[in-house]
């Protein structure tokens, strides 16, 4: 999926970061190193010299005799610290006092001796070196979560003739009634509009494919992934349970999050403000999101 994204937009360094980490995780160091070089060149081309230096230094760990990479690193050192140029020909030291705001450093690629993953099913595993994201106070987040995105979703479904006005309106009323009657002191998963419309007999595949085509939100088959409960719980319950949101992996500086209502802009904004990561959103089956949240929080139905 990320290879296709990068083919369409070669300067998408965030997707390059994810693809690089994925190759190293599944034990394909040659491809991992190639993408690391592509990422380093992209940072260089975009003028993000500090990030480029981190990537080139990672390459140099794997190819210590590469004269080309050594030359590029020397050029970067001159760009970042012109007053130090030529003063040292040894290892380049990063000076974090430069004016440019530096992103979090990614760990250098692991040694190429990683074993191949036995399973053929896609599995995302959180990197052990990732920083824990900062999470906004739950009370603060709740104050800005007035709009749940159900009305925009309802209008979208009716306008694009994915479901009748009567069916959508009825489902919307049931969702509002159910969610308003939930006990705020007891953990519980809100009812989702898309989940209710699918329960009324509208095909899930038709709905999700239409949303993906028109909203340009990537689909993720979340049912095939091993979900780390600790990652899900990095966000407060009022976001995960109260807005049907599932963080399912952290790769480098990106948190990947699944949602079944891409029109819930209020929740998406709060999530982005709550974590110290770039957030990449994915659409997933409502029933899968519900099951994962139920299992993670051990909520009885």
Foldseek 3Di string as FASTA:
>chain_A
DLVVVCVVPVLPLVSLLQVLQVCLVQLNVVVNLVSLQSSLVSCVVVVVLVLSLLSLVLNCVVVVPDPVSLVVNLVSCCVQCVVCRPVDSDDDDDDVPGPDDDDDRDDRRDDSPDDGDPDPFDEADADPPDDQWAFDDPVVLVVQQPDLLLVVVLVVCCVVVLDHNVLLVVLVVVQVVQQVPDDPVDQAAGDDSLNSSVVVPRDPVVVVVVCCVPVVAAADACVRYDADLVQQVSYPSCLCRVNLKGFGYDGGQETEIEHQRPSSVSSVVNVCVGTRGHYRYHYYRSVVSNVVVCVSVVPDD
